[in-house]
PDB file of N, CA and C in Angstrom:
ATOM      1  N   MET A   1      81.307  70.481 153.023  1.00  0.00           N
ATOM      2  CA  MET A   1      80.743  71.278 151.966  1.00  0.00           C
ATOM      3  C   MET A   1      81.818  72.070 151.228  1.00  0.00           C
ATOM      4  N   THR A   2      82.901  72.413 151.905  1.00  0.00           N
ATOM      5  CA  THR A   2      83.970  73.183 151.272  1.00  0.00           C
ATOM      6  C   THR A   2      84.614  72.390 150.145  1.00  0.00           C
ATOM      7  N   ALA A   3      84.887  71.116 150.361  1.00  0.00           N
ATOM      8  CA  ALA A   3      85.485  70.284 149.314  1.00  0.00           C
ATOM      9  C   ALA A   3      84.543  70.197 148.111  1.00  0.00           C
ATOM     10  N   TYR A   4      83.269  70.008 148.358  1.00  0.00           N
ATOM     11  CA  TYR A   4      82.281  69.930 147.279  1.00  0.00           C
ATOM     12  C   TYR A   4      82.278  71.216 146.460  1.00  0.00           C
ATOM     13  N   GLU A   5      82.297  72.357 147.124  1.00  0.00           N
ATOM     14  CA  GLU A   5      82.298  73.644 146.429  1.00  0.00           C
ATOM     15  C   GLU A   5      83.557  73.822 145.588  1.00  0.00           C
ATOM     16  N   ARG A   6      84.694  73.373 146.090  1.00  0.00           N
ATOM     17  CA  ARG A   6      85.949  73.474 145.335  1.00  0.00           C
ATOM     18  C   ARG A   6      85.905  72.583 144.105  1.00  0.00           C
ATOM     19  N   ILE A   7      85.349  71.383 144.253  1.00  0.00           N
ATOM     20  CA  ILE A   7      85.240  70.466 143.113  1.00  0.00           C
ATOM     21  C   ILE A   7      84.345  71.062 142.045  1.00  0.00           C
ATOM     22  N   ILE A   8      83.235  71.647 142.439  1.00  0.00           N
ATOM     23  CA  ILE A   8      82.321  72.279 141.481  1.00  0.00           C
ATOM     24  C   ILE A   8      83.033  73.412 140.741  1.00  0.00           C
ATOM     25  N   ARG A   9      83.762  74.252 141.452  1.00  0.00           N
ATOM     26  CA  ARG A   9      84.490  75.359 140.813  1.00  0.00           C
ATOM     27  C   ARG A   9      85.521  74.840 139.818  1.00  0.00           C
ATOM     28  N   MET A  10      86.262  73.791 140.201  1.00  0.00           N
ATOM     29  CA  MET A  10      87.255  73.219 139.301  1.00  0.00           C
ATOM     30  C   MET A  10      86.589  72.623 138.067  1.00  0.00           C
ATOM     31  N   GLY A  11      85.420  72.013 138.250  1.00  0.00           N
ATOM     32  CA  GLY A  11      84.697  71.430 137.124  1.00  0.00           C
ATOM     33  C   GLY A  11      84.284  72.475 136.108  1.00  0.00           C
ATOM     34  N   PHE A  12      83.843  73.619 136.574  1.00  0.00           N
ATOM     35  CA  PHE A  12      83.439  74.688 135.658  1.00  0.00           C
ATOM     36  C   PHE A  12      84.636  75.262 134.903  1.00  0.00           C
ATOM     37  N   ASN A  13      85.825  75.174 135.493  1.00  0.00           N
ATOM     38  CA  ASN A  13      87.028  75.696 134.837  1.00  0.00           C
ATOM     39  C   ASN A  13      87.722  74.645 133.977  1.00  0.00           C
ATOM     40  N   SER A  14      87.251  73.408 133.998  1.00  0.00           N
ATOM     41  CA  SER A  14      87.879  72.330 133.237  1.00  0.00           C
ATOM     42  C   SER A  14      87.459  72.374 131.773  1.00  0.00           C
ATOM     43  N   LYS A  15      88.307  71.793 130.936  1.00  0.00           N
ATOM     44  CA  LYS A  15      87.993  71.690 129.520  1.00  0.00           C
ATOM     45  C   LYS A  15      87.035  70.536 129.298  1.00  0.00           C
ATOM     46  N   SER A  16      86.209  70.659 128.287  1.00  0.00           N
ATOM     47  CA  SER A  16      85.289  69.586 127.926  1.00  0.00           C
ATOM     48  C   SER A  16      86.052  68.534 127.122  1.00  0.00           C
ATOM     49  N   PRO A  17      85.504  67.313 126.997  1.00  0.00           N
ATOM     50  CA  PRO A  17      86.165  66.307 126.155  1.00  0.00           C
ATOM     51  C   PRO A  17      86.386  66.809 124.721  1.00  0.00           C
ATOM     52  N   LEU A  18      85.452  67.596 124.191  1.00  0.00           N
ATOM     53  CA  LEU A  18      85.608  68.144 122.843  1.00  0.00           C
ATOM     54  C   LEU A  18      86.803  69.086 122.775  1.00  0.00           C
ATOM     55  N   GLU A  19      86.928  69.977 123.747  1.00  0.00           N
ATOM     56  CA  GLU A  19      88.050  70.922 123.766  1.00  0.00           C
ATOM     57  C   GLU A  19      89.383  70.198 123.878  1.00  0.00           C
ATOM     58  N   VAL A  20      89.454  69.170 124.701  1.00  0.00           N
ATOM     59  CA  VAL A  20      90.687  68.390 124.846  1.00  0.00           C
ATOM     60  C   VAL A  20      91.009  67.675 123.539  1.00  0.00           C
ATOM     61  N   GLY A  21      89.987  67.092 122.904  1.00  0.00           N
ATOM     62  CA  GLY A  21      90.196  66.403 121.637  1.00  0.00           C
ATOM     63  C   GLY A  21      90.710  67.323 120.547  1.00  0.00           C
ATOM     64  N   LEU A  22      90.149  68.530 120.475  1.00  0.00           N
ATOM     65  CA  LEU A  22      90.603  69.491 119.472  1.00  0.00           C
ATOM     66  C   LEU A  22      92.050  69.920 119.731  1.00  0.00           C
ATOM     67  N   GLU A  23      92.408  70.002 120.992  1.00  0.00           N
ATOM     68  CA  GLU A  23      93.763  70.427 121.341  1.00  0.00           C
ATOM     69  C   GLU A  23      94.791  69.322 121.099  1.00  0.00           C
ATOM     70  N   LEU A  24      94.468  68.080 121.470  1.00  0.00           N
ATOM     71  CA  LEU A  24      95.437  66.987 121.389  1.00  0.00           C
ATOM     72  C   LEU A  24      95.436  66.256 120.051  1.00  0.00           C
ATOM     73  N   LYS A  25      94.339  66.354 119.297  1.00  0.00           N
ATOM     74  CA  LYS A  25      94.185  65.702 117.997  1.00  0.00           C
ATOM     75  C   LYS A  25      94.548  64.210 118.043  1.00  0.00           C
ATOM     76  N   PRO A  26      93.890  63.432 118.897  1.00  0.00           N
ATOM     77  CA  PRO A  26      94.212  62.002 118.998  1.00  0.00           C
ATOM     78  C   PRO A  26      93.709  61.227 117.771  1.00  0.00           C
ATOM     79  N   ASN A  27      94.283  60.043 117.550  1.00  0.00           N
ATOM     80  CA  ASN A  27      93.840  59.149 116.486  1.00  0.00           C
ATOM     81  C   ASN A  27      92.839  58.170 117.072  1.00  0.00           C
ATOM     82  N   TRP A  28      91.705  57.999 116.394  1.00  0.00           N
ATOM     83  CA  TRP A  28      90.659  57.117 116.885  1.00  0.00           C
ATOM     84  C   TRP A  28      90.591  55.854 116.038  1.00  0.00           C
ATOM     85  N   SER A  29      90.216  54.745 116.653  1.00  0.00           N
ATOM     86  CA  SER A  29      90.106  53.473 115.939  1.00  0.00           C
ATOM     87  C   SER A  29      88.838  53.411 115.099  1.00  0.00           C
ATOM     88  N   GLY A  30      87.848  54.204 115.419  1.00  0.00           N
ATOM     89  CA  GLY A  30      86.595  54.184 114.684  1.00  0.00           C
ATOM     90  C   GLY A  30      85.516  53.366 115.368  1.00  0.00           C
ATOM     91  N   TYR A  31      85.842  52.715 116.466  1.00  0.00           N
ATOM     92  CA  TYR A  31      84.865  51.912 117.210  1.00  0.00           C
ATOM     93  C   TYR A  31      84.615  52.553 118.564  1.00  0.00           C
ATOM     94  N   LEU A  32      83.346  52.730 118.888  1.00  0.00           N
ATOM     95  CA  LEU A  32      82.947  53.398 120.119  1.00  0.00           C
ATOM     96  C   LEU A  32      82.304  52.397 121.071  1.00  0.00           C
ATOM     97  N   ILE A  33      82.758  52.369 122.301  1.00  0.00           N
ATOM     98  CA  ILE A  33      82.154  51.559 123.356  1.00  0.00           C
ATOM     99  C   ILE A  33      81.369  52.510 124.248  1.00  0.00           C
ATOM    100  N   VAL A  34      80.091  52.213 124.490  1.00  0.00           N
ATOM    101  CA  VAL A  34      79.255  53.091 125.314  1.00  0.00           C
ATOM    102  C   VAL A  34      78.756  52.345 126.542  1.00  0.00           C
ATOM    103  N   ASP A  35      78.550  53.096 127.618  1.00  0.00           N
ATOM    104  CA  ASP A  35      78.025  52.529 128.852  1.00  0.00           C
ATOM    105  C   ASP A  35      77.436  53.657 129.685  1.00  0.00           C
ATOM    106  N   GLY A  36      76.588  53.301 130.590  1.00  0.00           N
ATOM    107  CA  GLY A  36      75.997  54.266 131.506  1.00  0.00           C
ATOM    108  C   GLY A  36      75.998  53.696 132.909  1.00  0.00           C
ATOM    109  N   ASP A  37      76.065  54.577 133.882  1.00  0.00           N
ATOM    110  CA  ASP A  37      76.040  54.150 135.281  1.00  0.00           C
ATOM    111  C   ASP A  37      75.440  55.267 136.120  1.00  0.00           C
ATOM    112  N   SER A  38      74.788  54.887 137.186  1.00  0.00           N
ATOM    113  CA  SER A  38      74.177  55.855 138.100  1.00  0.00           C
ATOM    114  C   SER A  38      75.166  56.251 139.184  1.00  0.00           C
ATOM    115  N   THR A  39      75.055  57.504 139.595  1.00  0.00           N
ATOM    116  CA  THR A  39      75.886  58.011 140.673  1.00  0.00           C
ATOM    117  C   THR A  39      75.079  59.034 141.467  1.00  0.00           C
ATOM    118  N   ILE A  40      75.464  59.246 142.696  1.00  0.00           N
ATOM    119  CA  ILE A  40      74.802  60.226 143.555  1.00  0.00           C
ATOM    120  C   ILE A  40      75.627  61.510 143.530  1.00  0.00           C
ATOM    121  N   ILE A  41      74.994  62.605 143.159  1.00  0.00           N
ATOM    122  CA  ILE A  41      75.637  63.917 143.167  1.00  0.00           C
ATOM    123  C   ILE A  41      74.816  64.784 144.099  1.00  0.00           C
ATOM    124  N   GLY A  42      75.442  65.168 145.207  1.00  0.00           N
ATOM    125  CA  GLY A  42      74.686  65.869 146.249  1.00  0.00           C
ATOM    126  C   GLY A  42      73.690  64.893 146.841  1.00  0.00           C
ATOM    127  N   LYS A  43      72.417  65.169 146.715  1.00  0.00           N
ATOM    128  CA  LYS A  43      71.370  64.258 147.188  1.00  0.00           C
ATOM    129  C   LYS A  43      70.564  63.703 146.024  1.00  0.00           C
ATOM    130  N   GLN A  44      71.028  63.943 144.803  1.00  0.00           N
ATOM    131  CA  GLN A  44      70.276  63.549 143.625  1.00  0.00           C
ATOM    132  C   GLN A  44      70.986  62.433 142.867  1.00  0.00           C
ATOM    133  N   LYS A  45      70.214  61.478 142.391  1.00  0.00           N
ATOM    134  CA  LYS A  45      70.748  60.389 141.591  1.00  0.00           C
ATOM    135  C   LYS A  45      70.826  60.842 140.136  1.00  0.00           C
ATOM    136  N   GLU A  46      71.988  60.726 139.535  1.00  0.00           N
ATOM    137  CA  GLU A  46      72.224  61.103 138.141  1.00  0.00           C
ATOM    138  C   GLU A  46      72.799  59.903 137.398  1.00  0.00           C
ATOM    139  N   SER A  47      72.765  59.963 136.076  1.00  0.00           N
ATOM    140  CA  SER A  47      73.338  58.907 135.247  1.00  0.00           C
ATOM    141  C   SER A  47      74.422  59.503 134.356  1.00  0.00           C
ATOM    142  N   LEU A  48      75.587  58.863 134.360  1.00  0.00           N
ATOM    143  CA  LEU A  48      76.684  59.260 133.498  1.00  0.00           C
ATOM    144  C   LEU A  48      76.655  58.359 132.272  1.00  0.00           C
ATOM    145  N   LEU A  49      76.466  58.948 131.105  1.00  0.00           N
ATOM    146  CA  LEU A  49      76.489  58.219 129.845  1.00  0.00           C
ATOM    147  C   LEU A  49      77.812  58.554 129.168  1.00  0.00           C
ATOM    148  N   ILE A  50      78.582  57.528 128.824  1.00  0.00           N
ATOM    149  CA  ILE A  50      79.937  57.764 128.336  1.00  0.00           C
ATOM    150  C   ILE A  50      80.229  56.900 127.125  1.00  0.00           C
ATOM    151  N   GLY A  51      81.000  57.437 126.215  1.00  0.00           N
ATOM    152  CA  GLY A  51      81.459  56.715 125.038  1.00  0.00           C
ATOM    153  C   GLY A  51      82.972  56.814 124.946  1.00  0.00           C
ATOM    154  N   VAL A  52      83.651  55.677 124.824  1.00  0.00           N
ATOM    155  CA  VAL A  52      85.113  55.668 124.744  1.00  0.00           C
ATOM    156  C   VAL A  52      85.568  54.952 123.478  1.00  0.00           C
ATOM    157  N   ASP A  53      86.721  55.337 122.981  1.00  0.00           N
ATOM    158  CA  ASP A  53      87.322  54.675 121.834  1.00  0.00           C
ATOM    159  C   ASP A  53      87.762  53.273 122.258  1.00  0.00           C
ATOM    160  N   SER A  54      87.434  52.267 121.444  1.00  0.00           N
ATOM    161  CA  SER A  54      87.717  50.881 121.844  1.00  0.00           C
ATOM    162  C   SER A  54      89.207  50.579 121.909  1.00  0.00           C
ATOM    163  N   TYR A  55      90.027  51.263 121.116  1.00  0.00           N
ATOM    164  CA  TYR A  55      91.463  50.964 121.109  1.00  0.00           C
ATOM    165  C   TYR A  55      92.223  51.778 122.152  1.00  0.00           C
ATOM    166  N   SER A  56      92.044  53.086 122.116  1.00  0.00           N
ATOM    167  CA  SER A  56      92.837  53.960 122.993  1.00  0.00           C
ATOM    168  C   SER A  56      92.220  54.164 124.371  1.00  0.00           C
ATOM    169  N   GLN A  57      90.920  53.840 124.518  1.00  0.00           N
ATOM    170  CA  GLN A  57      90.172  54.078 125.746  1.00  0.00           C
ATOM    171  C   GLN A  57      90.032  55.569 126.069  1.00  0.00           C
ATOM    172  N   ASP A  58      90.245  56.422 125.077  1.00  0.00           N
ATOM    173  CA  ASP A  58      90.025  57.864 125.250  1.00  0.00           C
ATOM    174  C   ASP A  58      88.525  58.135 125.275  1.00  0.00           C
ATOM    175  N   ILE A  59      88.109  59.049 126.127  1.00  0.00           N
ATOM    176  CA  ILE A  59      86.704  59.429 126.205  1.00  0.00           C
ATOM    177  C   ILE A  59      86.364  60.275 124.988  1.00  0.00           C
ATOM    178  N   ARG A  60      85.418  59.818 124.190  1.00  0.00           N
ATOM    179  CA  ARG A  60      84.973  60.544 123.006  1.00  0.00           C
ATOM    180  C   ARG A  60      83.817  61.477 123.318  1.00  0.00           C
ATOM    181  N   HIS A  61      82.938  61.028 124.232  1.00  0.00           N
ATOM    182  CA  HIS A  61      81.771  61.848 124.554  1.00  0.00           C
ATOM    183  C   HIS A  61      81.205  61.373 125.888  1.00  0.00           C
ATOM    184  N   ALA A  62      80.698  62.302 126.676  1.00  0.00           N
ATOM    185  CA  ALA A  62      80.073  61.970 127.959  1.00  0.00           C
ATOM    186  C   ALA A  62      79.024  63.026 128.286  1.00  0.00           C
ATOM    187  N   ILE A  63      77.926  62.571 128.853  1.00  0.00           N
ATOM    188  CA  ILE A  63      76.911  63.505 129.329  1.00  0.00           C
ATOM    189  C   ILE A  63      76.403  63.037 130.690  1.00  0.00           C
ATOM    190  N   LEU A  64      75.934  63.968 131.466  1.00  0.00           N
ATOM    191  CA  LEU A  64      75.303  63.686 132.745  1.00  0.00           C
ATOM    192  C   LEU A  64      73.813  63.897 132.549  1.00  0.00           C
ATOM    193  N   ALA A  65      73.023  62.856 132.799  1.00  0.00           N
ATOM    194  CA  ALA A  65      71.581  62.914 132.552  1.00  0.00           C
ATOM    195  C   ALA A  65      70.830  62.506 133.814  1.00  0.00           C
ATOM    196  N   GLU A  66      69.557  62.868 133.855  1.00  0.00           N
ATOM    197  CA  GLU A  66      68.737  62.496 135.008  1.00  0.00           C
ATOM    198  C   GLU A  66      68.499  60.990 135.068  1.00  0.00           C
ATOM    199  N   HIS A  67      68.293  60.386 133.877  1.00  0.00           N
ATOM    200  CA  HIS A  67      67.988  58.962 133.812  1.00  0.00           C
ATOM    201  C   HIS A  67      68.749  58.333 132.655  1.00  0.00           C
ATOM    202  N   GLU A  68      69.039  57.044 132.775  1.00  0.00           N
ATOM    203  CA  GLU A  68      69.617  56.295 131.670  1.00  0.00           C
ATOM    204  C   GLU A  68      68.455  55.665 130.903  1.00  0.00           C
ATOM    205  N   ASP A  69      67.889  56.425 129.980  1.00  0.00           N
ATOM    206  CA  ASP A  69      66.738  55.938 129.221  1.00  0.00           C
ATOM    207  C   ASP A  69      66.961  56.177 127.738  1.00  0.00           C
ATOM    208  N   GLY A  70      66.023  55.726 126.933  1.00  0.00           N
ATOM    209  CA  GLY A  70      66.151  55.830 125.489  1.00  0.00           C
ATOM    210  C   GLY A  70      66.274  57.250 124.994  1.00  0.00           C
ATOM    211  N   MET A  71      65.536  58.166 125.592  1.00  0.00           N
ATOM    212  CA  MET A  71      65.572  59.559 125.162  1.00  0.00           C
ATOM    213  C   MET A  71      66.967  60.160 125.387  1.00  0.00           C
ATOM    214  N   ASN A  72      67.572  59.887 126.540  1.00  0.00           N
ATOM    215  CA  ASN A  72      68.902  60.434 126.816  1.00  0.00           C
ATOM    216  C   ASN A  72      69.970  59.771 125.960  1.00  0.00           C
ATOM    217  N   TRP A  73      69.825  58.466 125.690  1.00  0.00           N
ATOM    218  CA  TRP A  73      70.783  57.801 124.803  1.00  0.00           C
ATOM    219  C   TRP A  73      70.641  58.342 123.384  1.00  0.00           C
ATOM    220  N   THR A  74      69.426  58.613 122.947  1.00  0.00           N
ATOM    221  CA  THR A  74      69.222  59.196 121.621  1.00  0.00           C
ATOM    222  C   THR A  74      69.907  60.561 121.545  1.00  0.00           C
ATOM    223  N   HIS A  75      69.724  61.377 122.575  1.00  0.00           N
ATOM    224  CA  HIS A  75      70.387  62.689 122.639  1.00  0.00           C
ATOM    225  C   HIS A  75      71.907  62.503 122.600  1.00  0.00           C
ATOM    226  N   PHE A  76      72.420  61.547 123.367  1.00  0.00           N
ATOM    227  CA  PHE A  76      73.859  61.252 123.411  1.00  0.00           C
ATOM    228  C   PHE A  76      74.398  61.008 122.002  1.00  0.00           C
ATOM    229  N   PHE A  77      73.723  60.123 121.247  1.00  0.00           N
ATOM    230  CA  PHE A  77      74.212  59.766 119.918  1.00  0.00           C
ATOM    231  C   PHE A  77      73.997  60.878 118.895  1.00  0.00           C
ATOM    232  N   LEU A  78      72.923  61.648 119.020  1.00  0.00           N
ATOM    233  CA  LEU A  78      72.704  62.756 118.101  1.00  0.00           C
ATOM    234  C   LEU A  78      73.770  63.833 118.292  1.00  0.00           C
ATOM    235  N   VAL A  79      74.109  64.125 119.538  1.00  0.00           N
ATOM    236  CA  VAL A  79      75.169  65.116 119.805  1.00  0.00           C
ATOM    237  C   VAL A  79      76.512  64.565 119.336  1.00  0.00           C
ATOM    238  N   LYS A  80      76.767  63.301 119.570  1.00  0.00           N
ATOM    239  CA  LYS A  80      78.025  62.688 119.160  1.00  0.00           C
ATOM    240  C   LYS A  80      78.163  62.691 117.642  1.00  0.00           C
ATOM    241  N   LYS A  81      77.052  62.463 116.947  1.00  0.00           N
ATOM    242  CA  LYS A  81      77.084  62.401 115.478  1.00  0.00           C
ATOM    243  C   LYS A  81      77.417  63.749 114.849  1.00  0.00           C
ATOM    244  N   SER A  82      76.974  64.832 115.472  1.00  0.00           N
ATOM    245  CA  SER A  82      77.192  66.154 114.873  1.00  0.00           C
ATOM    246  C   SER A  82      78.579  66.705 115.129  1.00  0.00           C
TER     247      SER A  82
END
């Protein structure tokens, strides 16, 4: 449990993909590759929805959702668009 607690603390202190992007100002190809996968966090099954640049493979956007469904993908793209 100690390792898990340390990972959680480090995660809260980490920069978001948006903050890293603003700091590094990377060049994007304009093409986004998206995918989702399920993972177990604690005792709960979660879905990681991720979008990466097709050329650089830099993460453009990622969210952790309860399910990989249409509603969460719609939210993913609406947040990404803004």
